[in-house]
Amino acid sequence: MLIWVIVSVVSIVLVGSVLLASKARASRRNRTAEVWSETEVDYKARHDLIPKLEETLKGYTFRPRATLQAVTRARRVPTPPEKV
């Protein structure tokens, strides 16, 4: 009779350990999937911002180009020497 009690307790402990390990593994798998999903959302958001960034940079590159062209035109025009 004592042997059956010991075998029952050991088997319950083993089954419980297997169930807990399975639950922990499933939890880790779900967390990994969640993290990858968050990463993909971040990449998508960054990808969507690229065209906006390009438009912004085009606007900023226009200003220095116009300034450089104005300076170049001003340098081409000969200026009379200053009288001291």
PDB file of N, CA and C in Angstrom:
ATOM      1  N   MET A   1       0.811  -1.188   0.000  1.00  0.00           N
ATOM      2  CA  MET A   1       0.000   0.000   0.000  1.00  0.00           C
ATOM      3  C   MET A   1       0.862   1.263   0.000  1.00  0.00           C
ATOM      4  N   LEU A   2       1.924   1.236   0.788  1.00  0.00           N
ATOM      5  CA  LEU A   2       2.830   2.375   0.861  1.00  0.00           C
ATOM      6  C   LEU A   2       3.477   2.644  -0.497  1.00  0.00           C
ATOM      7  N   ILE A   3       3.772   1.587  -1.234  1.00  0.00           N
ATOM      8  CA  ILE A   3       4.403   1.730  -2.544  1.00  0.00           C
ATOM      9  C   ILE A   3       3.460   2.471  -3.495  1.00  0.00           C
ATOM     10  N   TRP A   4       2.174   2.179  -3.449  1.00  0.00           N
ATOM     11  CA  TRP A   4       1.214   2.845  -4.333  1.00  0.00           C
ATOM     12  C   TRP A   4       1.104   4.327  -4.006  1.00  0.00           C
ATOM     13  N   VAL A   5       1.191   4.674  -2.767  1.00  0.00           N
ATOM     14  CA  VAL A   5       1.143   6.083  -2.360  1.00  0.00           C
ATOM     15  C   VAL A   5       2.376   6.808  -2.887  1.00  0.00           C
ATOM     16  N   ILE A   6       3.534   6.188  -2.741  1.00  0.00           N
ATOM     17  CA  ILE A   6       4.790   6.803  -3.216  1.00  0.00           C
ATOM     18  C   ILE A   6       4.758   6.952  -4.726  1.00  0.00           C
ATOM     19  N   VAL A   7       4.321   5.914  -5.426  1.00  0.00           N
ATOM     20  CA  VAL A   7       4.241   5.975  -6.883  1.00  0.00           C
ATOM     21  C   VAL A   7       3.248   7.054  -7.313  1.00  0.00           C
ATOM     22  N   SER A   8       2.127   7.169  -6.641  1.00  0.00           N
ATOM     23  CA  SER A   8       1.125   8.186  -6.960  1.00  0.00           C
ATOM     24  C   SER A   8       1.672   9.590  -6.746  1.00  0.00           C
ATOM     25  N   VAL A   9       2.350   9.812  -5.639  1.00  0.00           N
ATOM     26  CA  VAL A   9       2.916  11.131  -5.341  1.00  0.00           C
ATOM     27  C   VAL A   9       3.984  11.488  -6.367  1.00  0.00           C
ATOM     28  N   VAL A  10       4.846  10.560  -6.685  1.00  0.00           N
ATOM     29  CA  VAL A  10       5.910  10.816  -7.667  1.00  0.00           C
ATOM     30  C   VAL A  10       5.306  11.107  -9.034  1.00  0.00           C
ATOM     31  N   SER A  11       4.301  10.344  -9.428  1.00  0.00           N
ATOM     32  CA  SER A  11       3.693  10.574 -10.737  1.00  0.00           C
ATOM     33  C   SER A  11       2.965  11.915 -10.777  1.00  0.00           C
ATOM     34  N   ILE A  12       2.320  12.303  -9.681  1.00  0.00           N
ATOM     35  CA  ILE A  12       1.656  13.614  -9.638  1.00  0.00           C
ATOM     36  C   ILE A  12       2.685  14.730  -9.739  1.00  0.00           C
ATOM     37  N   VAL A  13       3.807  14.575  -9.063  1.00  0.00           N
ATOM     38  CA  VAL A  13       4.870  15.584  -9.129  1.00  0.00           C
ATOM     39  C   VAL A  13       5.436  15.664 -10.542  1.00  0.00           C
ATOM     40  N   LEU A  14       5.658  14.535 -11.182  1.00  0.00           N
ATOM     41  CA  LEU A  14       6.187  14.541 -12.544  1.00  0.00           C
ATOM     42  C   LEU A  14       5.212  15.169 -13.527  1.00  0.00           C
ATOM     43  N   VAL A  15       3.942  14.814 -13.433  1.00  0.00           N
ATOM     44  CA  VAL A  15       2.932  15.391 -14.327  1.00  0.00           C
ATOM     45  C   VAL A  15       2.828  16.897 -14.097  1.00  0.00           C
ATOM     46  N   GLY A  16       2.851  17.313 -12.841  1.00  0.00           N
ATOM     47  CA  GLY A  16       2.811  18.744 -12.530  1.00  0.00           C
ATOM     48  C   GLY A  16       4.019  19.475 -13.091  1.00  0.00           C
ATOM     49  N   SER A  17       5.188  18.868 -12.992  1.00  0.00           N
ATOM     50  CA  SER A  17       6.409  19.483 -13.537  1.00  0.00           C
ATOM     51  C   SER A  17       6.317  19.629 -15.049  1.00  0.00           C
ATOM     52  N   VAL A  18       5.822  18.598 -15.715  1.00  0.00           N
ATOM     53  CA  VAL A  18       5.680  18.644 -17.172  1.00  0.00           C
ATOM     54  C   VAL A  18       4.692  19.735 -17.571  1.00  0.00           C
ATOM     55  N   LEU A  19       3.585  19.835 -16.859  1.00  0.00           N
ATOM     56  CA  LEU A  19       2.591  20.866 -17.172  1.00  0.00           C
ATOM     57  C   LEU A  19       3.144  22.265 -16.951  1.00  0.00           C
ATOM     58  N   LEU A  20       3.866  22.480 -15.865  1.00  0.00           N
ATOM     59  CA  LEU A  20       4.460  23.788 -15.606  1.00  0.00           C
ATOM     60  C   LEU A  20       5.510  24.150 -16.656  1.00  0.00           C
ATOM     61  N   ALA A  21       6.327  23.167 -17.040  1.00  0.00           N
ATOM     62  CA  ALA A  21       7.346  23.417 -18.065  1.00  0.00           C
ATOM     63  C   ALA A  21       6.688  23.756 -19.394  1.00  0.00           C
ATOM     64  N   SER A  22       5.606  23.054 -19.715  1.00  0.00           N
ATOM     65  CA  SER A  22       4.889  23.326 -20.962  1.00  0.00           C
ATOM     66  C   SER A  22       4.291  24.722 -20.949  1.00  0.00           C
ATOM     67  N   LYS A  23       3.711  25.112 -19.822  1.00  0.00           N
ATOM     68  CA  LYS A  23       3.127  26.448 -19.701  1.00  0.00           C
ATOM     69  C   LYS A  23       4.203  27.528 -19.823  1.00  0.00           C
ATOM     70  N   ALA A  24       5.347  27.309 -19.198  1.00  0.00           N
ATOM     71  CA  ALA A  24       6.447  28.280 -19.263  1.00  0.00           C
ATOM     72  C   ALA A  24       6.958  28.411 -20.694  1.00  0.00           C
ATOM     73  N   ARG A  25       7.065  27.293 -21.388  1.00  0.00           N
ATOM     74  CA  ARG A  25       7.536  27.319 -22.775  1.00  0.00           C
ATOM     75  C   ARG A  25       6.545  28.072 -23.660  1.00  0.00           C
ATOM     76  N   ALA A  26       5.264  27.843 -23.473  1.00  0.00           N
ATOM     77  CA  ALA A  26       4.241  28.546 -24.243  1.00  0.00           C
ATOM     78  C   ALA A  26       4.272  30.040 -23.937  1.00  0.00           C
ATOM     79  N   SER A  27       4.492  30.380 -22.682  1.00  0.00           N
ATOM     80  CA  SER A  27       4.563  31.783 -22.294  1.00  0.00           C
ATOM     81  C   SER A  27       5.748  32.479 -22.966  1.00  0.00           C
ATOM     82  N   ARG A  28       6.896  31.818 -22.977  1.00  0.00           N
ATOM     83  CA  ARG A  28       8.082  32.386 -23.646  1.00  0.00           C
ATOM     84  C   ARG A  28       7.846  32.532 -25.141  1.00  0.00           C
ATOM     85  N   ARG A  29       7.200  31.530 -25.743  1.00  0.00           N
ATOM     86  CA  ARG A  29       6.922  31.591 -27.178  1.00  0.00           C
ATOM     87  C   ARG A  29       5.985  32.766 -27.490  1.00  0.00           C
ATOM     88  N   ASN A  30       4.958  32.956 -26.663  1.00  0.00           N
ATOM     89  CA  ASN A  30       4.033  34.066 -26.875  1.00  0.00           C
ATOM     90  C   ASN A  30       4.715  35.415 -26.682  1.00  0.00           C
ATOM     91  N   ARG A  31       5.577  35.501 -25.689  1.00  0.00           N
ATOM     92  CA  ARG A  31       6.298  36.767 -25.451  1.00  0.00           C
ATOM     93  C   ARG A  31       7.236  37.077 -26.617  1.00  0.00           C
ATOM     94  N   THR A  32       7.890  36.059 -27.146  1.00  0.00           N
ATOM     95  CA  THR A  32       8.772  36.261 -28.297  1.00  0.00           C
ATOM     96  C   THR A  32       7.975  36.752 -29.502  1.00  0.00           C
ATOM     97  N   ALA A  33       6.824  36.156 -29.743  1.00  0.00           N
ATOM     98  CA  ALA A  33       5.973  36.585 -30.856  1.00  0.00           C
ATOM     99  C   ALA A  33       5.505  38.024 -30.652  1.00  0.00           C
ATOM    100  N   GLU A  34       5.194  38.381 -29.413  1.00  0.00           N
ATOM    101  CA  GLU A  34       4.750  39.739 -29.111  1.00  0.00           C
ATOM    102  C   GLU A  34       5.863  40.756 -29.370  1.00  0.00           C
ATOM    103  N   VAL A  35       7.074  40.420 -28.958  1.00  0.00           N
ATOM    104  CA  VAL A  35       8.206  41.333 -29.157  1.00  0.00           C
ATOM    105  C   VAL A  35       8.491  41.510 -30.649  1.00  0.00           C
ATOM    106  N   TRP A  36       8.451  40.427 -31.417  1.00  0.00           N
ATOM    107  CA  TRP A  36       8.677  40.546 -32.858  1.00  0.00           C
ATOM    108  C   TRP A  36       7.580  41.372 -33.519  1.00  0.00           C
ATOM    109  N   SER A  37       6.364  41.230 -33.040  1.00  0.00           N
ATOM    110  CA  SER A  37       5.265  42.021 -33.578  1.00  0.00           C
ATOM    111  C   SER A  37       5.498  43.506 -33.319  1.00  0.00           C
ATOM    112  N   GLU A  38       5.932  43.841 -32.106  1.00  0.00           N
ATOM    113  CA  GLU A  38       6.239  45.237 -31.776  1.00  0.00           C
ATOM    114  C   GLU A  38       7.372  45.759 -32.656  1.00  0.00           C
ATOM    115  N   THR A  39       8.370  44.925 -32.903  1.00  0.00           N
ATOM    116  CA  THR A  39       9.489  45.324 -33.749  1.00  0.00           C
ATOM    117  C   THR A  39       9.016  45.594 -35.173  1.00  0.00           C
ATOM    118  N   GLU A  40       8.159  44.731 -35.698  1.00  0.00           N
ATOM    119  CA  GLU A  40       7.640  44.925 -37.049  1.00  0.00           C
ATOM    120  C   GLU A  40       6.812  46.203 -37.145  1.00  0.00           C
ATOM    121  N   VAL A  41       6.057  46.516 -36.099  1.00  0.00           N
ATOM    122  CA  VAL A  41       5.271  47.748 -36.091  1.00  0.00           C
ATOM    123  C   VAL A  41       6.204  48.956 -36.110  1.00  0.00           C
ATOM    124  N   ASP A  42       7.284  48.901 -35.333  1.00  0.00           N
ATOM    125  CA  ASP A  42       8.251  50.000 -35.328  1.00  0.00           C
ATOM    126  C   ASP A  42       8.893  50.178 -36.701  1.00  0.00           C
ATOM    127  N   TYR A  43       9.274  49.068 -37.344  1.00  0.00           N
ATOM    128  CA  TYR A  43       9.866  49.154 -38.684  1.00  0.00           C
ATOM    129  C   TYR A  43       8.884  49.732 -39.682  1.00  0.00           C
ATOM    130  N   LYS A  44       7.629  49.347 -39.592  1.00  0.00           N
ATOM    131  CA  LYS A  44       6.609  49.856 -40.498  1.00  0.00           C
ATOM    132  C   LYS A  44       6.429  51.355 -40.297  1.00  0.00           C
ATOM    133  N   ALA A  45       6.411  51.792 -39.032  1.00  0.00           N
ATOM    134  CA  ALA A  45       6.263  53.222 -38.747  1.00  0.00           C
ATOM    135  C   ALA A  45       7.448  54.006 -39.298  1.00  0.00           C
ATOM    136  N   ARG A  46       8.642  53.475 -39.141  1.00  0.00           N
ATOM    137  CA  ARG A  46       9.825  54.149 -39.693  1.00  0.00           C
ATOM    138  C   ARG A  46       9.773  54.184 -41.206  1.00  0.00           C
ATOM    139  N   HIS A  47       9.340  53.095 -41.805  1.00  0.00           N
ATOM    140  CA  HIS A  47       9.245  53.026 -43.264  1.00  0.00           C
ATOM    141  C   HIS A  47       8.242  54.060 -43.776  1.00  0.00           C
ATOM    142  N   ASP A  48       7.150  54.253 -43.036  1.00  0.00           N
ATOM    143  CA  ASP A  48       6.152  55.236 -43.440  1.00  0.00           C
ATOM    144  C   ASP A  48       6.664  56.664 -43.293  1.00  0.00           C
ATOM    145  N   LEU A  49       7.642  56.890 -42.436  1.00  0.00           N
ATOM    146  CA  LEU A  49       8.172  58.237 -42.231  1.00  0.00           C
ATOM    147  C   LEU A  49       9.205  58.647 -43.275  1.00  0.00           C
ATOM    148  N   ILE A  50       9.744  57.697 -44.014  1.00  0.00           N
ATOM    149  CA  ILE A  50      10.807  58.012 -44.977  1.00  0.00           C
ATOM    150  C   ILE A  50      10.351  59.010 -46.042  1.00  0.00           C
ATOM    151  N   PRO A  51       9.181  58.845 -46.679  1.00  0.00           N
ATOM    152  CA  PRO A  51       8.775  59.850 -47.673  1.00  0.00           C
ATOM    153  C   PRO A  51       8.618  61.248 -47.065  1.00  0.00           C
ATOM    154  N   LYS A  52       8.119  61.337 -45.844  1.00  0.00           N
ATOM    155  CA  LYS A  52       7.991  62.640 -45.189  1.00  0.00           C
ATOM    156  C   LYS A  52       9.365  63.259 -44.947  1.00  0.00           C
ATOM    157  N   LEU A  53      10.315  62.425 -44.553  1.00  0.00           N
ATOM    158  CA  LEU A  53      11.675  62.908 -44.322  1.00  0.00           C
ATOM    159  C   LEU A  53      12.288  63.404 -45.621  1.00  0.00           C
ATOM    160  N   GLU A  54      12.055  62.683 -46.711  1.00  0.00           N
ATOM    161  CA  GLU A  54      12.589  63.107 -48.003  1.00  0.00           C
ATOM    162  C   GLU A  54      12.034  64.466 -48.410  1.00  0.00           C
ATOM    163  N   GLU A  55      10.741  64.668 -48.227  1.00  0.00           N
ATOM    164  CA  GLU A  55      10.127  65.957 -48.574  1.00  0.00           C
ATOM    165  C   GLU A  55      10.692  67.080 -47.715  1.00  0.00           C
ATOM    166  N   THR A  56      10.889  66.802 -46.440  1.00  0.00           N
ATOM    167  CA  THR A  56      11.454  67.809 -45.544  1.00  0.00           C
ATOM    168  C   THR A  56      12.867  68.173 -45.973  1.00  0.00           C
ATOM    169  N   LEU A  57      13.661  67.162 -46.303  1.00  0.00           N
ATOM    170  CA  LEU A  57      15.042  67.433 -46.719  1.00  0.00           C
ATOM    171  C   LEU A  57      15.089  68.181 -48.040  1.00  0.00           C
ATOM    172  N   LYS A  58      14.172  67.874 -48.935  1.00  0.00           N
ATOM    173  CA  LYS A  58      14.131  68.621 -50.201  1.00  0.00           C
ATOM    174  C   LYS A  58      13.859  70.093 -49.934  1.00  0.00           C
ATOM    175  N   GLY A  59      12.978  70.381 -48.990  1.00  0.00           N
ATOM    176  CA  GLY A  59      12.687  71.766 -48.644  1.00  0.00           C
ATOM    177  C   GLY A  59      13.889  72.471 -48.045  1.00  0.00           C
ATOM    178  N   TYR A  60      14.639  71.787 -47.217  1.00  0.00           N
ATOM    179  CA  TYR A  60      15.808  72.406 -46.606  1.00  0.00           C
ATOM    180  C   TYR A  60      16.967  72.533 -47.576  1.00  0.00           C
ATOM    181  N   THR A  61      17.092  71.635 -48.521  1.00  0.00           N
ATOM    182  CA  THR A  61      18.196  71.760 -49.478  1.00  0.00           C
ATOM    183  C   THR A  61      17.928  72.857 -50.488  1.00  0.00           C
ATOM    184  N   PHE A  62      16.677  73.248 -50.661  1.00  0.00           N
ATOM    185  CA  PHE A  62      16.367  74.334 -51.592  1.00  0.00           C
ATOM    186  C   PHE A  62      16.910  75.653 -51.071  1.00  0.00           C
ATOM    187  N   ARG A  63      16.796  75.895 -49.772  1.00  0.00           N
ATOM    188  CA  ARG A  63      17.247  77.170 -49.212  1.00  0.00           C
ATOM    189  C   ARG A  63      18.749  77.386 -49.377  1.00  0.00           C
ATOM    190  N   PRO A  64      19.601  76.451 -48.982  1.00  0.00           N
ATOM    191  CA  PRO A  64      21.031  76.684 -49.180  1.00  0.00           C
ATOM    192  C   PRO A  64      21.398  76.801 -50.660  1.00  0.00           C
ATOM    193  N   ARG A  65      20.719  76.087 -51.514  1.00  0.00           N
ATOM    194  CA  ARG A  65      21.006  76.168 -52.947  1.00  0.00           C
ATOM    195  C   ARG A  65      20.692  77.567 -53.453  1.00  0.00           C
ATOM    196  N   ALA A  66      19.558  78.134 -53.053  1.00  0.00           N
ATOM    197  CA  ALA A  66      19.191  79.481 -53.479  1.00  0.00           C
ATOM    198  C   ALA A  66      20.186  80.497 -52.930  1.00  0.00           C
ATOM    199  N   THR A  67      20.595  80.317 -51.697  1.00  0.00           N
ATOM    200  CA  THR A  67      21.576  81.229 -51.098  1.00  0.00           C
ATOM    201  C   THR A  67      22.905  81.139 -51.823  1.00  0.00           C
ATOM    202  N   LEU A  68      23.340  79.918 -52.115  1.00  0.00           N
ATOM    203  CA  LEU A  68      24.603  79.732 -52.825  1.00  0.00           C
ATOM    204  C   LEU A  68      24.545  80.354 -54.214  1.00  0.00           C
ATOM    205  N   GLN A  69      23.432  80.201 -54.899  1.00  0.00           N
ATOM    206  CA  GLN A  69      23.300  80.801 -56.226  1.00  0.00           C
ATOM    207  C   GLN A  69      23.309  82.320 -56.139  1.00  0.00           C
ATOM    208  N   ALA A  70      22.679  82.894 -55.123  1.00  0.00           N
ATOM    209  CA  ALA A  70      22.678  84.351 -54.962  1.00  0.00           C
ATOM    210  C   ALA A  70      24.083  84.859 -54.673  1.00  0.00           C
ATOM    211  N   VAL A  71      24.822  84.150 -53.844  1.00  0.00           N
ATOM    212  CA  VAL A  71      26.205  84.551 -53.542  1.00  0.00           C
ATOM    213  C   VAL A  71      27.072  84.451 -54.795  1.00  0.00           C
ATOM    214  N   THR A  72      26.886  83.387 -55.552  1.00  0.00           N
ATOM    215  CA  THR A  72      27.666  83.207 -56.777  1.00  0.00           C
ATOM    216  C   THR A  72      27.374  84.331 -57.765  1.00  0.00           C
ATOM    217  N   ARG A  73      26.088  84.682 -57.920  1.00  0.00           N
ATOM    218  CA  ARG A  73      25.741  85.789 -58.828  1.00  0.00           C
ATOM    219  C   ARG A  73      26.335  87.106 -58.323  1.00  0.00           C
ATOM    220  N   ALA A  74      26.301  87.331 -57.037  1.00  0.00           N
ATOM    221  CA  ALA A  74      26.841  88.571 -56.478  1.00  0.00           C
ATOM    222  C   ALA A  74      28.346  88.654 -56.679  1.00  0.00           C
ATOM    223  N   ARG A  75      29.023  87.535 -56.647  1.00  0.00           N
ATOM    224  CA  ARG A  75      30.477  87.544 -56.838  1.00  0.00           C
ATOM    225  C   ARG A  75      30.850  87.773 -58.291  1.00  0.00           C
ATOM    226  N   ARG A  76      29.984  87.397 -59.193  1.00  0.00           N
ATOM    227  CA  ARG A  76      30.273  87.597 -60.613  1.00  0.00           C
ATOM    228  C   ARG A  76      30.244  89.075 -61.008  1.00  0.00           C
ATOM    229  N   VAL A  77      29.420  89.836 -60.353  1.00  0.00           N
ATOM    230  CA  VAL A  77      29.274  91.250 -60.694  1.00  0.00           C
ATOM    231  C   VAL A  77      30.510  91.988 -60.169  1.00  0.00           C
ATOM    232  N   PRO A  78      31.198  92.640 -61.064  1.00  0.00           N
ATOM    233  CA  PRO A  78      32.384  93.370 -60.597  1.00  0.00           C
ATOM    234  C   PRO A  78      31.963  94.587 -59.765  1.00  0.00           C
ATOM    235  N   THR A  79      32.664  94.776 -58.698  1.00  0.00           N
ATOM    236  CA  THR A  79      32.383  95.936 -57.850  1.00  0.00           C
ATOM    237  C   THR A  79      33.509  96.940 -58.016  1.00  0.00           C
ATOM    238  N   PRO A  80      33.154  98.175 -58.010  1.00  0.00           N
ATOM    239  CA  PRO A  80      34.220  99.190 -58.146  1.00  0.00           C
ATOM    240  C   PRO A  80      35.075  99.196 -56.885  1.00  0.00           C
ATOM    241  N   PRO A  81      36.340  99.557 -57.021  1.00  0.00           N
ATOM    242  CA  PRO A  81      37.207  99.598 -55.836  1.00  0.00           C
ATOM    243  C   PRO A  81      36.738 100.701 -54.887  1.00  0.00           C
ATOM    244  N   GLU A  82      36.918 100.434 -53.635  1.00  0.00           N
ATOM    245  CA  GLU A  82      36.516 101.431 -52.624  1.00  0.00           C
ATOM    246  C   GLU A  82      37.563 102.519 -52.528  1.00  0.00           C
ATOM    247  N   LYS A  83      37.076 103.738 -52.316  1.00  0.00           N
ATOM    248  CA  LYS A  83      37.999 104.858 -52.132  1.00  0.00           C
ATOM    249  C   LYS A  83      38.238 105.038 -50.655  1.00  0.00           C
ATOM    250  N   VAL A  84      39.456 105.114 -50.320  1.00  0.00           N
ATOM    251  CA  VAL A  84      39.805 105.272 -48.906  1.00  0.00           C
ATOM    252  C   VAL A  84      40.061 106.686 -48.572  1.00  0.00           C
TER     253      VAL A  84
END
